[in-house]
Amino acid sequence: MAVLYPADRGSWWAPSSASCFYCGQEVEGIAVLWVGSGEDLVLHPQCAEDLAVDLIGDAREAQLASGAHPWPTRAAPALRESLLASEGIDA
């Protein structure tokens, strides 16, 4: 992953123009460039941050769904506290 500066756009390794992988809008100015095993991803800085947060949330959900330790034992108390707080009950 790298920061792509406007001055880099003419470099052999940098895309001259690209659409943001996350929002689909044209990326101009400073961008985030992710070079993977397939297509390179170009994102606006805010879109890169939003995508990262979404990926972390999805990863957490997948870990919880897998039932792998320690998530089940950590999720139950967190859910209990959240439900008690939403009902205004002191634990």
PDB file of N, CA and C in Angstrom:
ATOM      1  N   MET A   1       0.851  -1.159   0.000  1.00  0.00           N
ATOM      2  CA  MET A   1       0.000   0.000   0.000  1.00  0.00           C
ATOM      3  C   MET A   1       0.901   1.227   0.000  1.00  0.00           C
ATOM      4  N   ALA A   2       0.490   2.232  -0.718  1.00  0.00           N
ATOM      5  CA  ALA A   2       1.297   3.435  -0.825  1.00  0.00           C
ATOM      6  C   ALA A   2       0.404   4.648  -1.016  1.00  0.00           C
ATOM      7  N   VAL A   3       0.973   5.795  -0.716  1.00  0.00           N
ATOM      8  CA  VAL A   3       0.303   7.054  -1.018  1.00  0.00           C
ATOM      9  C   VAL A   3       0.749   7.459  -2.412  1.00  0.00           C
ATOM     10  N   LEU A   4      -0.205   7.787  -3.237  1.00  0.00           N
ATOM     11  CA  LEU A   4       0.072   8.184  -4.612  1.00  0.00           C
ATOM     12  C   LEU A   4      -0.092   9.700  -4.700  1.00  0.00           C
ATOM     13  N   TYR A   5       1.009  10.381  -4.936  1.00  0.00           N
ATOM     14  CA  TYR A   5       1.007  11.843  -5.037  1.00  0.00           C
ATOM     15  C   TYR A   5       0.798  12.263  -6.488  1.00  0.00           C
ATOM     16  N   PRO A   6       0.276  13.457  -6.721  1.00  0.00           N
ATOM     17  CA  PRO A   6       0.076  13.920  -8.106  1.00  0.00           C
ATOM     18  C   PRO A   6       1.348  13.846  -8.944  1.00  0.00           C
ATOM     19  N   ALA A   7       2.493  14.131  -8.346  1.00  0.00           N
ATOM     20  CA  ALA A   7       3.757  14.092  -9.087  1.00  0.00           C
ATOM     21  C   ALA A   7       4.127  12.676  -9.529  1.00  0.00           C
ATOM     22  N   ASP A   8       3.541  11.659  -8.867  1.00  0.00           N
ATOM     23  CA  ASP A   8       3.826  10.265  -9.206  1.00  0.00           C
ATOM     24  C   ASP A   8       3.048   9.787 -10.427  1.00  0.00           C
ATOM     25  N   ARG A   9       2.036  10.533 -10.844  1.00  0.00           N
ATOM     26  CA  ARG A   9       1.139  10.061 -11.903  1.00  0.00           C
ATOM     27  C   ARG A   9       1.852   9.752 -13.210  1.00  0.00           C
ATOM     28  N   GLY A  10       2.967  10.360 -13.469  1.00  0.00           N
ATOM     29  CA  GLY A  10       3.698  10.096 -14.707  1.00  0.00           C
ATOM     30  C   GLY A  10       4.667   8.935 -14.603  1.00  0.00           C
ATOM     31  N   SER A  11       4.834   8.382 -13.409  1.00  0.00           N
ATOM     32  CA  SER A  11       5.761   7.265 -13.218  1.00  0.00           C
ATOM     33  C   SER A  11       5.241   6.006 -13.894  1.00  0.00           C
ATOM     34  N   TRP A  12       6.160   5.138 -14.259  1.00  0.00           N
ATOM     35  CA  TRP A  12       5.791   3.916 -14.970  1.00  0.00           C
ATOM     36  C   TRP A  12       4.883   3.014 -14.145  1.00  0.00           C
ATOM     37  N   TRP A  13       5.011   3.082 -12.836  1.00  0.00           N
ATOM     38  CA  TRP A  13       4.275   2.173 -11.961  1.00  0.00           C
ATOM     39  C   TRP A  13       2.916   2.715 -11.513  1.00  0.00           C
ATOM     40  N   ALA A  14       2.679   3.997 -11.760  1.00  0.00           N
ATOM     41  CA  ALA A  14       1.464   4.639 -11.254  1.00  0.00           C
ATOM     42  C   ALA A  14       0.404   4.746 -12.344  1.00  0.00           C
ATOM     43  N   PRO A  15      -0.854   4.496 -11.966  1.00  0.00           N
ATOM     44  CA  PRO A  15      -1.914   4.700 -12.955  1.00  0.00           C
ATOM     45  C   PRO A  15      -2.052   6.175 -13.286  1.00  0.00           C
ATOM     46  N   SER A  16      -2.194   6.500 -14.573  1.00  0.00           N
ATOM     47  CA  SER A  16      -2.316   7.909 -14.965  1.00  0.00           C
ATOM     48  C   SER A  16      -3.677   8.469 -14.583  1.00  0.00           C
ATOM     49  N   SER A  17      -4.687   7.633 -14.622  1.00  0.00           N
ATOM     50  CA  SER A  17      -6.019   8.027 -14.164  1.00  0.00           C
ATOM     51  C   SER A  17      -6.716   6.767 -13.679  1.00  0.00           C
ATOM     52  N   ALA A  18      -7.626   6.949 -12.740  1.00  0.00           N
ATOM     53  CA  ALA A  18      -8.300   5.780 -12.193  1.00  0.00           C
ATOM     54  C   ALA A  18      -9.570   6.189 -11.479  1.00  0.00           C
ATOM     55  N   SER A  19     -10.477   5.255 -11.408  1.00  0.00           N
ATOM     56  CA  SER A  19     -11.685   5.432 -10.615  1.00  0.00           C
ATOM     57  C   SER A  19     -11.453   4.816  -9.243  1.00  0.00           C
ATOM     58  N   CYS A  20     -12.049   5.400  -8.233  1.00  0.00           N
ATOM     59  CA  CYS A  20     -11.923   4.900  -6.871  1.00  0.00           C
ATOM     60  C   CYS A  20     -12.614   3.545  -6.756  1.00  0.00           C
ATOM     61  N   PHE A  21     -11.924   2.585  -6.202  1.00  0.00           N
ATOM     62  CA  PHE A  21     -12.461   1.244  -6.023  1.00  0.00           C
ATOM     63  C   PHE A  21     -13.698   1.261  -5.140  1.00  0.00           C
ATOM     64  N   TYR A  22     -13.767   2.178  -4.176  1.00  0.00           N
ATOM     65  CA  TYR A  22     -14.842   2.204  -3.189  1.00  0.00           C
ATOM     66  C   TYR A  22     -16.070   2.980  -3.663  1.00  0.00           C
ATOM     67  N   CYS A  23     -15.864   4.190  -4.163  1.00  0.00           N
ATOM     68  CA  CYS A  23     -17.015   5.040  -4.518  1.00  0.00           C
ATOM     69  C   CYS A  23     -17.245   5.143  -6.017  1.00  0.00           C
ATOM     70  N   GLY A  24     -16.256   4.787  -6.824  1.00  0.00           N
ATOM     71  CA  GLY A  24     -16.414   4.819  -8.271  1.00  0.00           C
ATOM     72  C   GLY A  24     -16.119   6.152  -8.926  1.00  0.00           C
ATOM     73  N   GLN A  25     -15.894   7.191  -8.134  1.00  0.00           N
ATOM     74  CA  GLN A  25     -15.593   8.508  -8.687  1.00  0.00           C
ATOM     75  C   GLN A  25     -14.135   8.574  -9.146  1.00  0.00           C
ATOM     76  N   GLU A  26     -13.870   9.490 -10.060  1.00  0.00           N
ATOM     77  CA  GLU A  26     -12.501   9.690 -10.542  1.00  0.00           C
ATOM     78  C   GLU A  26     -11.619  10.165  -9.384  1.00  0.00           C
ATOM     79  N   VAL A  27     -10.407   9.617  -9.302  1.00  0.00           N
ATOM     80  CA  VAL A  27      -9.459  10.002  -8.258  1.00  0.00           C
ATOM     81  C   VAL A  27      -8.468  10.996  -8.834  1.00  0.00           C
ATOM     82  N   GLU A  28      -8.445  12.173  -8.259  1.00  0.00           N
ATOM     83  CA  GLU A  28      -7.485  13.205  -8.635  1.00  0.00           C
ATOM     84  C   GLU A  28      -6.763  13.636  -7.373  1.00  0.00           C
ATOM     85  N   GLY A  29      -5.575  14.132  -7.513  1.00  0.00           N
ATOM     86  CA  GLY A  29      -4.822  14.563  -6.341  1.00  0.00           C
ATOM     87  C   GLY A  29      -4.228  13.365  -5.624  1.00  0.00           C
ATOM     88  N   ILE A  30      -4.092  13.490  -4.315  1.00  0.00           N
ATOM     89  CA  ILE A  30      -3.494  12.437  -3.503  1.00  0.00           C
ATOM     90  C   ILE A  30      -4.461  11.265  -3.398  1.00  0.00           C
ATOM     91  N   ALA A  31      -3.912  10.053  -3.534  1.00  0.00           N
ATOM     92  CA  ALA A  31      -4.722   8.840  -3.477  1.00  0.00           C
ATOM     93  C   ALA A  31      -3.976   7.761  -2.713  1.00  0.00           C
ATOM     94  N   VAL A  32      -4.702   6.719  -2.377  1.00  0.00           N
ATOM     95  CA  VAL A  32      -4.104   5.526  -1.784  1.00  0.00           C
ATOM     96  C   VAL A  32      -4.058   4.467  -2.874  1.00  0.00           C
ATOM     97  N   LEU A  33      -2.901   3.851  -3.035  1.00  0.00           N
ATOM     98  CA  LEU A  33      -2.708   2.825  -4.052  1.00  0.00           C
ATOM     99  C   LEU A  33      -2.411   1.510  -3.361  1.00  0.00           C
ATOM    100  N   TRP A  34      -3.231   0.494  -3.628  1.00  0.00           N
ATOM    101  CA  TRP A  34      -3.028  -0.833  -3.065  1.00  0.00           C
ATOM    102  C   TRP A  34      -2.680  -1.763  -4.223  1.00  0.00           C
ATOM    103  N   VAL A  35      -1.487  -2.315  -4.163  1.00  0.00           N
ATOM    104  CA  VAL A  35      -1.018  -3.221  -5.206  1.00  0.00           C
ATOM    105  C   VAL A  35      -1.114  -4.633  -4.656  1.00  0.00           C
ATOM    106  N   GLY A  36      -1.982  -5.422  -5.254  1.00  0.00           N
ATOM    107  CA  GLY A  36      -2.179  -6.792  -4.797  1.00  0.00           C
ATOM    108  C   GLY A  36      -1.767  -7.790  -5.852  1.00  0.00           C
ATOM    109  N   SER A  37      -2.283  -8.991  -5.713  1.00  0.00           N
ATOM    110  CA  SER A  37      -1.926 -10.050  -6.648  1.00  0.00           C
ATOM    111  C   SER A  37      -2.698  -9.944  -7.960  1.00  0.00           C
ATOM    112  N   GLY A  38      -3.732  -9.124  -7.959  1.00  0.00           N
ATOM    113  CA  GLY A  38      -4.523  -8.938  -9.174  1.00  0.00           C
ATOM    114  C   GLY A  38      -4.519  -7.487  -9.579  1.00  0.00           C
ATOM    115  N   GLU A  39      -5.693  -6.924  -9.699  1.00  0.00           N
ATOM    116  CA  GLU A  39      -5.847  -5.530 -10.099  1.00  0.00           C
ATOM    117  C   GLU A  39      -5.390  -4.591  -8.978  1.00  0.00           C
ATOM    118  N   ASP A  40      -4.723  -3.502  -9.356  1.00  0.00           N
ATOM    119  CA  ASP A  40      -4.335  -2.480  -8.376  1.00  0.00           C
ATOM    120  C   ASP A  40      -5.568  -1.680  -7.983  1.00  0.00           C
ATOM    121  N   LEU A  41      -5.685  -1.348  -6.711  1.00  0.00           N
ATOM    122  CA  LEU A  41      -6.817  -0.567  -6.223  1.00  0.00           C
ATOM    123  C   LEU A  41      -6.364   0.858  -5.946  1.00  0.00           C
ATOM    124  N   VAL A  42      -7.129   1.812  -6.436  1.00  0.00           N
ATOM    125  CA  VAL A  42      -6.873   3.225  -6.191  1.00  0.00           C
ATOM    126  C   VAL A  42      -8.085   3.758  -5.440  1.00  0.00           C
ATOM    127  N   LEU A  43      -7.814   4.489  -4.344  1.00  0.00           N
ATOM    128  CA  LEU A  43      -8.896   5.005  -3.513  1.00  0.00           C
ATOM    129  C   LEU A  43      -8.619   6.430  -3.081  1.00  0.00           C
ATOM    130  N   HIS A  44      -9.699   7.199  -2.900  1.00  0.00           N
ATOM    131  CA  HIS A  44      -9.560   8.488  -2.225  1.00  0.00           C
ATOM    132  C   HIS A  44      -9.118   8.193  -0.788  1.00  0.00           C
ATOM    133  N   PRO A  45      -8.378   9.083  -0.141  1.00  0.00           N
ATOM    134  CA  PRO A  45      -7.958   8.825   1.234  1.00  0.00           C
ATOM    135  C   PRO A  45      -9.133   8.502   2.173  1.00  0.00           C
ATOM    136  N   GLN A  46     -10.225   9.248   2.089  1.00  0.00           N
ATOM    137  CA  GLN A  46     -11.372   8.972   2.965  1.00  0.00           C
ATOM    138  C   GLN A  46     -12.023   7.641   2.620  1.00  0.00           C
ATOM    139  N   CYS A  47     -12.074   7.305   1.349  1.00  0.00           N
ATOM    140  CA  CYS A  47     -12.636   6.015   0.939  1.00  0.00           C
ATOM    141  C   CYS A  47     -11.777   4.862   1.452  1.00  0.00           C
ATOM    142  N   ALA A  48     -10.452   5.040   1.450  1.00  0.00           N
ATOM    143  CA  ALA A  48      -9.560   4.007   1.991  1.00  0.00           C
ATOM    144  C   ALA A  48      -9.846   3.801   3.469  1.00  0.00           C
ATOM    145  N   GLU A  49     -10.052   4.883   4.201  1.00  0.00           N
ATOM    146  CA  GLU A  49     -10.365   4.783   5.625  1.00  0.00           C
ATOM    147  C   GLU A  49     -11.715   4.095   5.830  1.00  0.00           C
ATOM    148  N   ASP A  50     -12.722   4.489   5.066  1.00  0.00           N
ATOM    149  CA  ASP A  50     -14.047   3.881   5.184  1.00  0.00           C
ATOM    150  C   ASP A  50     -13.999   2.392   4.856  1.00  0.00           C
ATOM    151  N   LEU A  51     -13.270   2.022   3.814  1.00  0.00           N
ATOM    152  CA  LEU A  51     -13.151   0.617   3.431  1.00  0.00           C
ATOM    153  C   LEU A  51     -12.449  -0.173   4.531  1.00  0.00           C
ATOM    154  N   ALA A  52     -11.405   0.391   5.105  1.00  0.00           N
ATOM    155  CA  ALA A  52     -10.676  -0.296   6.173  1.00  0.00           C
ATOM    156  C   ALA A  52     -11.590  -0.572   7.368  1.00  0.00           C
ATOM    157  N   VAL A  53     -12.396   0.410   7.752  1.00  0.00           N
ATOM    158  CA  VAL A  53     -13.317   0.230   8.867  1.00  0.00           C
ATOM    159  C   VAL A  53     -14.337  -0.861   8.537  1.00  0.00           C
ATOM    160  N   ASP A  54     -14.867  -0.843   7.321  1.00  0.00           N
ATOM    161  CA  ASP A  54     -15.824  -1.867   6.900  1.00  0.00           C
ATOM    162  C   ASP A  54     -15.184  -3.259   6.911  1.00  0.00           C
ATOM    163  N   LEU A  55     -13.939  -3.354   6.435  1.00  0.00           N
ATOM    164  CA  LEU A  55     -13.254  -4.646   6.417  1.00  0.00           C
ATOM    165  C   LEU A  55     -13.009  -5.168   7.824  1.00  0.00           C
ATOM    166  N   ILE A  56     -12.627  -4.284   8.735  1.00  0.00           N
ATOM    167  CA  ILE A  56     -12.409  -4.708  10.117  1.00  0.00           C
ATOM    168  C   ILE A  56     -13.712  -5.217  10.723  1.00  0.00           C
ATOM    169  N   GLY A  57     -14.811  -4.509  10.463  1.00  0.00           N
ATOM    170  CA  GLY A  57     -16.110  -4.953  10.967  1.00  0.00           C
ATOM    171  C   GLY A  57     -16.514  -6.299  10.392  1.00  0.00           C
ATOM    172  N   ASP A  58     -16.307  -6.481   9.094  1.00  0.00           N
ATOM    173  CA  ASP A  58     -16.652  -7.759   8.464  1.00  0.00           C
ATOM    174  C   ASP A  58     -15.768  -8.892   8.991  1.00  0.00           C
ATOM    175  N   ALA A  59     -14.497  -8.603   9.210  1.00  0.00           N
ATOM    176  CA  ALA A  59     -13.596  -9.617   9.758  1.00  0.00           C
ATOM    177  C   ALA A  59     -14.040 -10.022  11.158  1.00  0.00           C
ATOM    178  N   ARG A  60     -14.409  -9.046  11.971  1.00  0.00           N
ATOM    179  CA  ARG A  60     -14.888  -9.349  13.325  1.00  0.00           C
ATOM    180  C   ARG A  60     -16.153 -10.194  13.271  1.00  0.00           C
ATOM    181  N   GLU A  61     -17.076  -9.836  12.384  1.00  0.00           N
ATOM    182  CA  GLU A  61     -18.319 -10.601  12.253  1.00  0.00           C
ATOM    183  C   GLU A  61     -18.031 -12.035  11.818  1.00  0.00           C
ATOM    184  N   ALA A  62     -17.094 -12.206  10.891  1.00  0.00           N
ATOM    185  CA  ALA A  62     -16.734 -13.547  10.426  1.00  0.00           C
ATOM    186  C   ALA A  62     -16.098 -14.355  11.555  1.00  0.00           C
ATOM    187  N   GLN A  63     -15.267 -13.710  12.368  1.00  0.00           N
ATOM    188  CA  GLN A  63     -14.658 -14.402  13.503  1.00  0.00           C
ATOM    189  C   GLN A  63     -15.717 -14.830  14.515  1.00  0.00           C
ATOM    190  N   LEU A  64     -16.670 -13.944  14.786  1.00  0.00           N
ATOM    191  CA  LEU A  64     -17.747 -14.288  15.708  1.00  0.00           C
ATOM    192  C   LEU A  64     -18.587 -15.433  15.163  1.00  0.00           C
ATOM    193  N   ALA A  65     -18.894 -15.392  13.863  1.00  0.00           N
ATOM    194  CA  ALA A  65     -19.713 -16.426  13.246  1.00  0.00           C
ATOM    195  C   ALA A  65     -19.012 -17.780  13.231  1.00  0.00           C
ATOM    196  N   SER A  66     -17.692 -17.772  13.204  1.00  0.00           N
ATOM    197  CA  SER A  66     -16.947 -19.032  13.171  1.00  0.00           C
ATOM    198  C   SER A  66     -17.017 -19.769  14.500  1.00  0.00           C
ATOM    199  N   GLY A  67     -17.300 -19.043  15.579  1.00  0.00           N
ATOM    200  CA  GLY A  67     -17.366 -19.670  16.898  1.00  0.00           C
ATOM    201  C   GLY A  67     -16.012 -19.992  17.481  1.00  0.00           C
ATOM    202  N   ALA A  68     -14.953 -19.525  16.839  1.00  0.00           N
ATOM    203  CA  ALA A  68     -13.603 -19.810  17.331  1.00  0.00           C
ATOM    204  C   ALA A  68     -13.345 -19.076  18.644  1.00  0.00           C
ATOM    205  N   HIS A  69     -12.657 -19.747  19.549  1.00  0.00           N
ATOM    206  CA  HIS A  69     -12.318 -19.158  20.843  1.00  0.00           C
ATOM    207  C   HIS A  69     -11.394 -17.971  20.617  1.00  0.00           C
ATOM    208  N   PRO A  70     -11.472 -16.866  21.284  1.00  0.00           N
ATOM    209  CA  PRO A  70     -12.258 -16.559  22.486  1.00  0.00           C
ATOM    210  C   PRO A  70     -13.526 -15.770  22.195  1.00  0.00           C
ATOM    211  N   TRP A  71     -13.940 -15.655  20.940  1.00  0.00           N
ATOM    212  CA  TRP A  71     -15.033 -14.746  20.613  1.00  0.00           C
ATOM    213  C   TRP A  71     -16.359 -15.076  21.288  1.00  0.00           C
ATOM    214  N   PRO A  72     -16.781 -16.338  21.359  1.00  0.00           N
ATOM    215  CA  PRO A  72     -18.074 -16.590  22.011  1.00  0.00           C
ATOM    216  C   PRO A  72     -18.092 -16.153  23.474  1.00  0.00           C
ATOM    217  N   THR A  73     -16.995 -16.370  24.182  1.00  0.00           N
ATOM    218  CA  THR A  73     -16.972 -16.002  25.604  1.00  0.00           C
ATOM    219  C   THR A  73     -16.836 -14.493  25.800  1.00  0.00           C
ATOM    220  N   ARG A  74     -16.329 -13.799  24.820  1.00  0.00           N
ATOM    221  CA  ARG A  74     -16.209 -12.341  24.922  1.00  0.00           C
ATOM    222  C   ARG A  74     -17.464 -11.638  24.420  1.00  0.00           C
ATOM    223  N   ALA A  75     -18.139 -12.237  23.439  1.00  0.00           N
ATOM    224  CA  ALA A  75     -19.312 -11.597  22.847  1.00  0.00           C
ATOM    225  C   ALA A  75     -20.504 -11.615  23.793  1.00  0.00           C
ATOM    226  N   ALA A  76     -20.689 -12.694  24.530  1.00  0.00           N
ATOM    227  CA  ALA A  76     -21.853 -12.806  25.418  1.00  0.00           C
ATOM    228  C   ALA A  76     -21.868 -11.720  26.495  1.00  0.00           C
ATOM    229  N   PRO A  77     -20.770 -11.488  27.224  1.00  0.00           N
ATOM    230  CA  PRO A  77     -20.790 -10.409  28.220  1.00  0.00           C
ATOM    231  C   PRO A  77     -20.974  -9.028  27.598  1.00  0.00           C
ATOM    232  N   ALA A  78     -20.393  -8.809  26.423  1.00  0.00           N
ATOM    233  CA  ALA A  78     -20.548  -7.509  25.762  1.00  0.00           C
ATOM    234  C   ALA A  78     -22.005  -7.285  25.376  1.00  0.00           C
ATOM    235  N   LEU A  79     -22.665  -8.316  24.876  1.00  0.00           N
ATOM    236  CA  LEU A  79     -24.077  -8.223  24.523  1.00  0.00           C
ATOM    237  C   LEU A  79     -24.923  -7.973  25.763  1.00  0.00           C
ATOM    238  N   ARG A  80     -24.623  -8.683  26.838  1.00  0.00           N
ATOM    239  CA  ARG A  80     -25.369  -8.513  28.092  1.00  0.00           C
ATOM    240  C   ARG A  80     -25.280  -7.068  28.577  1.00  0.00           C
ATOM    241  N   GLU A  81     -24.079  -6.516  28.606  1.00  0.00           N
ATOM    242  CA  GLU A  81     -23.888  -5.138  29.070  1.00  0.00           C
ATOM    243  C   GLU A  81     -24.635  -4.148  28.191  1.00  0.00           C
ATOM    244  N   SER A  82     -24.590  -4.384  26.878  1.00  0.00           N
ATOM    245  CA  SER A  82     -25.276  -3.494  25.951  1.00  0.00           C
ATOM    246  C   SER A  82     -26.785  -3.540  26.162  1.00  0.00           C
ATOM    247  N   LEU A  83     -27.326  -4.729  26.341  1.00  0.00           N
ATOM    248  CA  LEU A  83     -28.768  -4.857  26.561  1.00  0.00           C
ATOM    249  C   LEU A  83     -29.198  -4.229  27.888  1.00  0.00           C
ATOM    250  N   LEU A  84     -28.405  -4.433  28.934  1.00  0.00           N
ATOM    251  CA  LEU A  84     -28.727  -3.826  30.229  1.00  0.00           C
ATOM    252  C   LEU A  84     -28.683  -2.303  30.135  1.00  0.00           C
ATOM    253  N   ALA A  85     -27.672  -1.794  29.466  1.00  0.00           N
ATOM    254  CA  ALA A  85     -27.551  -0.337  29.330  1.00  0.00           C
ATOM    255  C   ALA A  85     -28.710   0.241  28.532  1.00  0.00           C
ATOM    256  N   SER A  86     -29.144  -0.449  27.477  1.00  0.00           N
ATOM    257  CA  SER A  86     -30.232   0.060  26.672  1.00  0.00           C
ATOM    258  C   SER A  86     -31.549   0.047  27.431  1.00  0.00           C
ATOM    259  N   GLU A  87     -31.677  -0.837  28.416  1.00  0.00           N
ATOM    260  CA  GLU A  87     -32.891  -0.909  29.241  1.00  0.00           C
ATOM    261  C   GLU A  87     -32.788  -0.026  30.486  1.00  0.00           C
ATOM    262  N   GLY A  88     -31.597   0.587  30.678  1.00  0.00           N
ATOM    263  CA  GLY A  88     -31.400   1.460  31.832  1.00  0.00           C
ATOM    264  C   GLY A  88     -31.273   0.688  33.136  1.00  0.00           C
ATOM    265  N   ILE A  89     -30.776  -0.545  33.062  1.00  0.00           N
ATOM    266  CA  ILE A  89     -30.615  -1.396  34.251  1.00  0.00           C
ATOM    267  C   ILE A  89     -29.156  -1.376  34.658  1.00  0.00           C
ATOM    268  N   ASP A  90     -28.896  -1.095  35.940  1.00  0.00           N
ATOM    269  CA  ASP A  90     -27.522  -1.150  36.463  1.00  0.00           C
ATOM    270  C   ASP A  90     -27.170  -2.600  36.759  1.00  0.00           C
ATOM    271  N   ALA A  91     -26.002  -3.009  36.283  1.00  0.00           N
ATOM    272  CA  ALA A  91     -25.586  -4.406  36.489  1.00  0.00           C
ATOM    273  C   ALA A  91     -25.049  -4.630  37.875  1.00  0.00           C
TER     274      ALA A  91
END
